[in-house]
């Protein structure tokens, strides 16, 4: 099955910490799986190299097996 990516930005209630992240969700017909990647400080996009490395890692995961 495919994987859906969602980019997020979060700020603590006190405003002292700002983080960026991406959630990757997949469904194998039985279960839903989610990988969360969070980084900071600041609202900074994931680098193309970082996204490529994460994509390659996710390809090695065999959900539901």
Protein backbone atom coordinates (compact mmCIF):
# COMPACT_ATOMS: atom_id res chain seq x y z
CA UNK A 1 0.00 0.00 0.00
CA UNK A 2 1.03 3.62 -0.35
CA UNK A 3 2.19 6.05 2.28
CA UNK A 4 0.68 9.47 2.96
CA UNK A 5 2.88 12.28 4.31
CA UNK A 6 1.60 15.19 6.40
CA UNK A 7 3.84 18.15 7.28
CA UNK A 8 3.19 19.90 10.61
CA UNK A 9 4.39 22.88 12.62
CA UNK A 10 3.82 23.09 16.37
CA UNK A 11 4.37 25.73 19.01
CA UNK A 12 4.23 25.12 22.76
CA UNK A 13 1.51 27.00 24.63
CA UNK A 14 4.11 29.25 26.25
CA UNK A 15 5.58 30.00 22.82
CA UNK A 16 9.06 29.02 23.98
CA UNK A 17 9.54 26.11 21.58
CA UNK A 18 8.66 25.78 17.90
CA UNK A 19 9.07 22.47 16.10
CA UNK A 20 8.53 21.11 12.60
CA UNK A 21 7.67 17.57 11.70
CA UNK A 22 6.23 15.12 9.23
CA UNK A 23 3.92 12.20 9.87
CA UNK A 24 3.89 9.27 7.46
CA UNK A 25 0.82 7.02 7.56
CA UNK A 26 0.33 3.69 5.79
CA UNK A 27 -2.41 1.06 5.75
CA UNK A 28 -1.74 -2.57 4.86
CA UNK A 29 -5.37 -3.74 4.64
CA UNK A 30 -5.46 -4.75 8.30
CA UNK A 31 -3.62 -2.14 10.35
CA UNK A 32 -2.67 1.51 10.05
CA UNK A 33 0.92 2.47 10.81
CA UNK A 34 2.43 5.87 11.50
CA UNK A 35 5.99 7.14 11.58
CA UNK A 36 6.56 10.52 13.20
CA UNK A 37 9.62 12.62 12.50
CA UNK A 38 9.96 15.82 14.58
CA UNK A 39 12.84 18.30 14.53
CA UNK A 40 13.63 21.78 15.72
CA UNK A 41 14.01 24.33 16.95
CA UNK A 42 12.07 26.53 14.59
CA UNK A 43 9.77 26.13 11.64
CA UNK A 44 12.28 24.69 9.19
CA UNK A 45 11.37 22.38 6.28
CA UNK A 46 12.95 18.96 6.05
CA UNK A 47 15.89 19.07 3.67
CA UNK A 48 15.60 17.21 0.36
CA UNK A 49 18.43 14.94 1.54
CA UNK A 50 16.60 14.20 4.78
CA UNK A 51 13.35 13.42 2.97
CA UNK A 52 15.19 11.14 0.51
CA UNK A 53 16.84 9.26 3.38
CA UNK A 54 13.50 8.86 5.18
CA UNK A 55 11.78 7.68 2.00
CA UNK A 56 14.47 5.04 1.46
CA UNK A 57 14.11 3.89 5.08
CA UNK A 58 10.31 3.59 4.78
CA UNK A 59 10.72 1.42 1.66
CA UNK A 60 12.51 -1.18 3.82
CA UNK A 61 9.62 -1.48 6.30
CA UNK A 62 7.24 -4.35 5.61
CA UNK A 63 4.04 -3.32 7.34
CA UNK A 64 1.91 -6.15 8.71
CA UNK A 65 4.60 -8.81 8.31
